[in-house]
Amino acid sequence: HIRGASRHVDIRNCRLYDTGHNEPQWAEGVYIGMGQPPFENVEYVWIEGNEIHHTGNSEGINIKSRSYHITIRGNQVHDIAPGTATQYNEAGISCEAADLAFRPGVDPDIWIENNDIHDVRFGRWANGIQASTMGPKILHNRIRDCQQFGIEFNDYLNGPGAFSTWLFGNVIERCGAGAVNPTDLPQKSADPGPN
């Protein structure tokens, strides 16, 4: 759990797995930020080259609001079963809502790139990646064999100040509900340039 006012944190080349024996709904492989008060912003986090699997009924990686300059790159995220009757975990990698009041107009600068996400199933929800008003750059990921969508959008806290999600170069295969769910959230289908 990368929390509080954490800065400049790298998690690289680790194997994170078999969590959630006591509380499977609170068993994320990597949890960035805070889901309830006191909210403090987390900045400059780099998650690369990890294998993350079997994380109870939670996400492999969960990015909360007030997280800035986050890179999720080159990870293997698989065998994830997100969501319970009382917890809205929705994907292998979840990028949640922007905090539109904390730094209005400041792009959170979230990159989700070159990850292999597969076999997300058997939870209440089962999407490969969840995007939201935070506007992540979702690039060159391979997403396959998810029970629901490859990329799912959640419009919680949609409104003025929501950031556009960039979708470019992703390969999505054999996801039960399709590649990307319909959404009114702003999107760009272009290469945003280098991270």
C-alpha atoms as a PDB file:
ATOM      1  CA  HIS A   1       0.000   0.000   0.000  1.00  0.00           C
ATOM      2  CA  ILE A   2       1.588   3.241  -1.218  1.00  0.00           C
ATOM      3  CA  ARG A   3      -0.192   5.792   0.922  1.00  0.00           C
ATOM      4  CA  GLY A   4       0.015   9.041   2.812  1.00  0.00           C
ATOM      5  CA  ALA A   5       2.201  11.623   1.117  1.00  0.00           C
ATOM      6  CA  SER A   6       4.477   9.049  -0.527  1.00  0.00           C
ATOM      7  CA  ARG A   7       6.863  10.225  -3.244  1.00  0.00           C
ATOM      8  CA  HIS A   8       9.291   8.523  -5.631  1.00  0.00           C
ATOM      9  CA  VAL A   9       8.370   4.881  -5.059  1.00  0.00           C
ATOM     10  CA  ASP A  10       9.486   2.078  -7.414  1.00  0.00           C
ATOM     11  CA  ILE A  11       8.166  -1.487  -7.311  1.00  0.00           C
ATOM     12  CA  ARG A  12      10.082  -3.506  -9.889  1.00  0.00           C
ATOM     13  CA  ASN A  13      10.634  -7.152 -10.742  1.00  0.00           C
ATOM     14  CA  CYS A  14       8.565  -8.537  -7.859  1.00  0.00           C
ATOM     15  CA  ARG A  15       6.076 -11.382  -7.642  1.00  0.00           C
ATOM     16  CA  LEU A  16       2.975 -10.316  -5.705  1.00  0.00           C
ATOM     17  CA  TYR A  17       0.420 -13.059  -5.230  1.00  0.00           C
ATOM     18  CA  ASP A  18      -1.801 -15.167  -2.957  1.00  0.00           C
ATOM     19  CA  THR A  19      -3.273 -12.295  -0.954  1.00  0.00           C
ATOM     20  CA  GLY A  20      -6.644 -11.930   0.767  1.00  0.00           C
ATOM     21  CA  HIS A  21      -6.943 -15.040   2.899  1.00  0.00           C
ATOM     22  CA  ASN A  22      -8.541 -13.064   5.755  1.00  0.00           C
ATOM     23  CA  GLU A  23     -10.239 -10.225   3.832  1.00  0.00           C
ATOM     24  CA  PRO A  24     -10.360 -11.034   0.111  1.00  0.00           C
ATOM     25  CA  GLN A  25     -12.087  -7.762  -0.823  1.00  0.00           C
ATOM     26  CA  TRP A  26      -9.108  -5.759   0.546  1.00  0.00           C
ATOM     27  CA  ALA A  27      -6.290  -7.732  -1.060  1.00  0.00           C
ATOM     28  CA  GLU A  28      -4.870  -5.632  -3.916  1.00  0.00           C
ATOM     29  CA  GLY A  29      -1.426  -6.553  -5.204  1.00  0.00           C
ATOM     30  CA  VAL A  30      -0.483  -2.850  -5.322  1.00  0.00           C
ATOM     31  CA  TYR A  31      -2.753  -0.136  -3.881  1.00  0.00           C
ATOM     32  CA  ILE A  32      -1.788   3.458  -4.717  1.00  0.00           C
ATOM     33  CA  GLY A  33      -3.384   6.307  -2.726  1.00  0.00           C
ATOM     34  CA  MET A  34      -6.302   6.343  -0.319  1.00  0.00           C
ATOM     35  CA  GLY A  35      -9.926   5.334  -0.788  1.00  0.00           C
ATOM     36  CA  GLN A  36     -11.197   7.284   2.224  1.00  0.00           C
ATOM     37  CA  PRO A  37     -10.139  10.272   4.341  1.00  0.00           C
ATOM     38  CA  PRO A  38      -7.636  11.509   5.234  1.00  0.00           C
ATOM     39  CA  PHE A  39      -6.772  11.933   1.564  1.00  0.00           C
ATOM     40  CA  GLU A  40      -3.170  12.771   0.748  1.00  0.00           C
ATOM     41  CA  ASN A  41      -1.666  12.850  -2.689  1.00  0.00           C
ATOM     42  CA  VAL A  42       0.821  10.213  -3.843  1.00  0.00           C
ATOM     43  CA  GLU A  43       3.295  11.168  -6.590  1.00  0.00           C
ATOM     44  CA  TYR A  44       5.954   9.636  -8.827  1.00  0.00           C
ATOM     45  CA  VAL A  45       5.257   5.907  -8.555  1.00  0.00           C
ATOM     46  CA  TRP A  46       6.760   3.423 -11.026  1.00  0.00           C
ATOM     47  CA  ILE A  47       5.408  -0.175 -11.126  1.00  0.00           C
ATOM     48  CA  GLU A  48       7.351  -2.233 -13.699  1.00  0.00           C
ATOM     49  CA  GLY A  49       8.171  -5.822 -14.578  1.00  0.00           C
ATOM     50  CA  ASN A  50       6.134  -7.444 -11.818  1.00  0.00           C
ATOM     51  CA  GLU A  51       4.012 -10.575 -11.884  1.00  0.00           C
ATOM     52  CA  ILE A  52       0.779  -9.997  -9.962  1.00  0.00           C
ATOM     53  CA  HIS A  53      -1.830 -12.736  -9.573  1.00  0.00           C
ATOM     54  CA  HIS A  54      -4.369 -14.340  -7.224  1.00  0.00           C
ATOM     55  CA  THR A  55      -5.175 -11.184  -5.229  1.00  0.00           C
ATOM     56  CA  GLY A  56      -8.326 -12.358  -3.467  1.00  0.00           C
ATOM     57  CA  ASN A  57     -11.359 -10.472  -4.822  1.00  0.00           C
ATOM     58  CA  SER A  58      -9.387  -7.276  -5.400  1.00  0.00           C
ATOM     59  CA  GLU A  59      -7.548  -5.649  -8.272  1.00  0.00           C
ATOM     60  CA  GLY A  60      -4.026  -6.552  -9.216  1.00  0.00           C
ATOM     61  CA  ILE A  61      -3.210  -2.813  -9.236  1.00  0.00           C
ATOM     62  CA  ASN A  62      -5.555  -0.079  -7.960  1.00  0.00           C
ATOM     63  CA  ILE A  63      -4.838   3.634  -8.518  1.00  0.00           C
ATOM     64  CA  LYS A  64      -6.947   5.971  -6.376  1.00  0.00           C
ATOM     65  CA  SER A  65      -7.676   9.679  -6.904  1.00  0.00           C
ATOM     66  CA  ARG A  66      -5.036  12.225  -5.942  1.00  0.00           C
ATOM     67  CA  SER A  67      -2.352  10.006  -7.463  1.00  0.00           C
ATOM     68  CA  TYR A  68      -0.030  11.856  -9.850  1.00  0.00           C
ATOM     69  CA  HIS A  69       2.757  10.826 -12.218  1.00  0.00           C
ATOM     70  CA  ILE A  70       2.117   7.078 -12.038  1.00  0.00           C
ATOM     71  CA  THR A  71       3.555   4.558 -14.526  1.00  0.00           C
ATOM     72  CA  ILE A  72       2.325   0.946 -14.701  1.00  0.00           C
ATOM     73  CA  ARG A  73       4.593  -0.692 -17.299  1.00  0.00           C
ATOM     74  CA  GLY A  74       5.464  -4.186 -18.474  1.00  0.00           C
ATOM     75  CA  ASN A  75       3.664  -6.140 -15.759  1.00  0.00           C
ATOM     76  CA  GLN A  76       2.020  -9.561 -15.977  1.00  0.00           C
ATOM     77  CA  VAL A  77      -1.386  -9.268 -14.263  1.00  0.00           C
ATOM     78  CA  HIS A  78      -3.363 -12.501 -14.379  1.00  0.00           C
ATOM     79  CA  ASP A  79      -5.800 -14.755 -12.565  1.00  0.00           C
ATOM     80  CA  ILE A  80      -7.599 -11.843 -10.900  1.00  0.00           C
ATOM     81  CA  ALA A  81     -11.181 -12.225  -9.531  1.00  0.00           C
ATOM     82  CA  PRO A  82     -12.271  -8.671  -8.629  1.00  0.00           C
ATOM     83  CA  GLY A  83     -15.423  -7.661  -6.786  1.00  0.00           C
ATOM     84  CA  THR A  84     -17.753  -8.897  -4.070  1.00  0.00           C
ATOM     85  CA  ALA A  85     -21.328  -8.106  -3.077  1.00  0.00           C
ATOM     86  CA  THR A  86     -20.020  -5.251  -0.907  1.00  0.00           C
ATOM     87  CA  GLN A  87     -16.900  -4.032  -2.746  1.00  0.00           C
ATOM     88  CA  TYR A  88     -16.676  -2.442  -6.185  1.00  0.00           C
ATOM     89  CA  ASN A  89     -13.352  -3.834  -7.391  1.00  0.00           C
ATOM     90  CA  GLU A  90     -13.796  -3.988 -11.157  1.00  0.00           C
ATOM     91  CA  ALA A  91     -10.643  -4.914 -13.060  1.00  0.00           C
ATOM     92  CA  GLY A  92      -7.166  -6.385 -13.183  1.00  0.00           C
ATOM     93  CA  ILE A  93      -5.825  -2.806 -13.254  1.00  0.00           C
ATOM     94  CA  SER A  94      -8.170  -0.093 -12.006  1.00  0.00           C
ATOM     95  CA  CYS A  95      -7.685   3.652 -12.451  1.00  0.00           C
ATOM     96  CA  GLU A  96     -10.302   5.453 -10.408  1.00  0.00           C
ATOM     97  CA  ALA A  97     -11.864   8.908 -10.496  1.00  0.00           C
ATOM     98  CA  ALA A  98      -9.910  12.131 -10.638  1.00  0.00           C
ATOM     99  CA  ASP A  99     -10.222  14.413  -7.648  1.00  0.00           C
ATOM    100  CA  LEU A 100     -11.671  17.407  -9.484  1.00  0.00           C
ATOM    101  CA  ALA A 101     -11.381  19.685  -6.458  1.00  0.00           C
ATOM    102  CA  PHE A 102      -7.805  19.006  -5.323  1.00  0.00           C
ATOM    103  CA  ARG A 103      -5.785  20.242  -8.320  1.00  0.00           C
ATOM    104  CA  PRO A 104      -8.370  21.510 -10.800  1.00  0.00           C
ATOM    105  CA  GLY A 105      -7.129  21.268 -14.374  1.00  0.00           C
ATOM    106  CA  VAL A 106      -3.896  19.422 -13.508  1.00  0.00           C
ATOM    107  CA  ASP A 107      -3.513  16.202 -15.534  1.00  0.00           C
ATOM    108  CA  PRO A 108      -2.811  13.308 -13.116  1.00  0.00           C
ATOM    109  CA  ASP A 109      -0.296  11.916 -15.669  1.00  0.00           C
ATOM    110  CA  ILE A 110      -1.181   8.212 -15.388  1.00  0.00           C
ATOM    111  CA  TRP A 111       0.438   5.731 -17.827  1.00  0.00           C
ATOM    112  CA  ILE A 112      -0.678   2.105 -18.217  1.00  0.00           C
ATOM    113  CA  GLU A 113       1.532   0.653 -20.930  1.00  0.00           C
ATOM    114  CA  ASN A 114       2.917  -2.603 -22.294  1.00  0.00           C
ATOM    115  CA  ASN A 115       1.228  -4.798 -19.696  1.00  0.00           C
ATOM    116  CA  ASP A 116      -0.063  -8.342 -20.281  1.00  0.00           C
ATOM    117  CA  ILE A 117      -3.429  -8.705 -18.528  1.00  0.00           C
ATOM    118  CA  HIS A 118      -5.306 -11.989 -18.785  1.00  0.00           C
ATOM    119  CA  ASP A 119      -7.681 -14.379 -17.084  1.00  0.00           C
ATOM    120  CA  VAL A 120      -9.673 -11.813 -15.131  1.00  0.00           C
ATOM    121  CA  ARG A 121     -12.757 -13.743 -14.121  1.00  0.00           C
ATOM    122  CA  PHE A 122     -14.984 -15.170 -11.393  1.00  0.00           C
ATOM    123  CA  GLY A 123     -15.371 -11.979  -9.339  1.00  0.00           C
ATOM    124  CA  ARG A 124     -18.485  -9.795  -9.293  1.00  0.00           C
ATOM    125  CA  TRP A 125     -16.889  -7.830 -12.123  1.00  0.00           C
ATOM    126  CA  ALA A 126     -14.127  -9.028 -14.409  1.00  0.00           C
ATOM    127  CA  ASN A 127     -12.627  -6.397 -16.737  1.00  0.00           C
ATOM    128  CA  GLY A 128      -9.027  -6.142 -17.898  1.00  0.00           C
ATOM    129  CA  ILE A 129      -8.481  -2.415 -17.275  1.00  0.00           C
ATOM    130  CA  GLN A 130     -10.872   0.105 -15.750  1.00  0.00           C
ATOM    131  CA  ALA A 131     -10.543   3.726 -16.848  1.00  0.00           C
ATOM    132  CA  SER A 132     -12.305   6.724 -15.367  1.00  0.00           C
ATOM    133  CA  THR A 133     -12.322  10.501 -15.221  1.00  0.00           C
ATOM    134  CA  MET A 134      -8.611  10.441 -14.297  1.00  0.00           C
ATOM    135  CA  GLY A 135      -7.787  10.134 -18.007  1.00  0.00           C
ATOM    136  CA  PRO A 136      -5.046   7.504 -18.086  1.00  0.00           C
ATOM    137  CA  LYS A 137      -2.908   6.844 -21.138  1.00  0.00           C
ATOM    138  CA  ILE A 138      -3.613   3.174 -21.936  1.00  0.00           C
ATOM    139  CA  LEU A 139      -1.059   2.108 -24.540  1.00  0.00           C
ATOM    140  CA  HIS A 140       0.216  -1.104 -26.118  1.00  0.00           C
ATOM    141  CA  ASN A 141      -1.320  -3.471 -23.570  1.00  0.00           C
ATOM    142  CA  ARG A 142      -2.298  -7.027 -24.391  1.00  0.00           C
ATOM    143  CA  ILE A 143      -5.613  -7.850 -22.731  1.00  0.00           C
ATOM    144  CA  ARG A 144      -7.130 -11.292 -23.150  1.00  0.00           C
ATOM    145  CA  ASP A 145      -9.514 -13.828 -21.703  1.00  0.00           C
ATOM    146  CA  CYS A 146     -11.438 -11.493 -19.413  1.00  0.00           C
ATOM    147  CA  GLN A 147     -14.976 -12.436 -18.456  1.00  0.00           C
ATOM    148  CA  GLN A 148     -16.298  -8.933 -19.175  1.00  0.00           C
ATOM    149  CA  PHE A 149     -14.717  -6.040 -21.112  1.00  0.00           C
ATOM    150  CA  GLY A 150     -11.097  -5.676 -22.084  1.00  0.00           C
ATOM    151  CA  ILE A 151     -11.279  -1.973 -21.117  1.00  0.00           C
ATOM    152  CA  GLU A 152     -14.206  -0.739 -19.034  1.00  0.00           C
ATOM    153  CA  PHE A 153     -15.044   2.904 -18.330  1.00  0.00           C
ATOM    154  CA  ASN A 154     -16.547   4.095 -15.051  1.00  0.00           C
ATOM    155  CA  ASP A 155     -18.020   7.608 -15.209  1.00  0.00           C
ATOM    156  CA  TYR A 156     -18.089   8.238 -11.445  1.00  0.00           C
ATOM    157  CA  LEU A 157     -17.425  11.975 -10.831  1.00  0.00           C
ATOM    158  CA  ASN A 158     -17.852  12.764 -14.519  1.00  0.00           C
ATOM    159  CA  GLY A 159     -18.271  16.421 -15.305  1.00  0.00           C
ATOM    160  CA  PRO A 160     -16.289  19.562 -16.098  1.00  0.00           C
ATOM    161  CA  GLY A 161     -12.631  18.867 -15.498  1.00  0.00           C
ATOM    162  CA  ALA A 162     -12.705  15.155 -16.406  1.00  0.00           C
ATOM    163  CA  PHE A 163      -9.620  14.205 -18.399  1.00  0.00           C
ATOM    164  CA  SER A 164      -9.556  12.380 -21.730  1.00  0.00           C
ATOM    165  CA  THR A 165      -8.410   8.767 -21.748  1.00  0.00           C
ATOM    166  CA  TRP A 166      -5.866   7.914 -24.437  1.00  0.00           C
ATOM    167  CA  LEU A 167      -6.306   4.495 -26.065  1.00  0.00           C
ATOM    168  CA  PHE A 168      -3.602   3.469 -28.519  1.00  0.00           C
ATOM    169  CA  GLY A 169      -2.073   0.228 -29.754  1.00  0.00           C
ATOM    170  CA  ASN A 170      -3.867  -2.125 -27.360  1.00  0.00           C
ATOM    171  CA  VAL A 171      -4.580  -5.724 -28.410  1.00  0.00           C
ATOM    172  CA  ILE A 172      -7.763  -7.111 -26.864  1.00  0.00           C
ATOM    173  CA  GLU A 173      -8.729 -10.746 -27.444  1.00  0.00           C
ATOM    174  CA  ARG A 174     -11.420 -13.120 -26.208  1.00  0.00           C
ATOM    175  CA  CYS A 175     -13.096 -10.838 -23.686  1.00  0.00           C
ATOM    176  CA  GLY A 176     -16.656 -11.961 -23.027  1.00  0.00           C
ATOM    177  CA  ALA A 177     -18.430  -8.587 -23.250  1.00  0.00           C
ATOM    178  CA  GLY A 178     -16.163  -7.146 -25.958  1.00  0.00           C
ATOM    179  CA  ALA A 179     -13.129  -4.918 -26.289  1.00  0.00           C
ATOM    180  CA  VAL A 180     -14.326  -1.593 -24.797  1.00  0.00           C
ATOM    181  CA  ASN A 181     -17.667  -0.735 -23.187  1.00  0.00           C
ATOM    182  CA  PRO A 182     -19.738   2.142 -24.571  1.00  0.00           C
ATOM    183  CA  THR A 183     -19.093   5.373 -22.696  1.00  0.00           C
ATOM    184  CA  ASP A 184     -19.624   9.125 -22.845  1.00  0.00           C
ATOM    185  CA  LEU A 185     -16.286   9.813 -21.177  1.00  0.00           C
ATOM    186  CA  PRO A 186     -13.847  11.722 -23.403  1.00  0.00           C
ATOM    187  CA  GLN A 187     -11.365   9.572 -25.311  1.00  0.00           C
ATOM    188  CA  LYS A 188      -8.512  10.045 -27.750  1.00  0.00           C
ATOM    189  CA  SER A 189      -7.428   7.331 -30.173  1.00  0.00           C
ATOM    190  CA  ALA A 190      -3.920   8.587 -30.826  1.00  0.00           C
ATOM    191  CA  ASP A 191      -0.371   8.166 -29.621  1.00  0.00           C
ATOM    192  CA  PRO A 192       0.218  10.685 -26.800  1.00  0.00           C
ATOM    193  CA  GLY A 193       3.973  10.546 -27.339  1.00  0.00           C
ATOM    194  CA  PRO A 194       6.634   9.292 -24.938  1.00  0.00           C
ATOM    195  CA  ASN A 195       6.118   8.875 -21.218  1.00  0.00           C
END
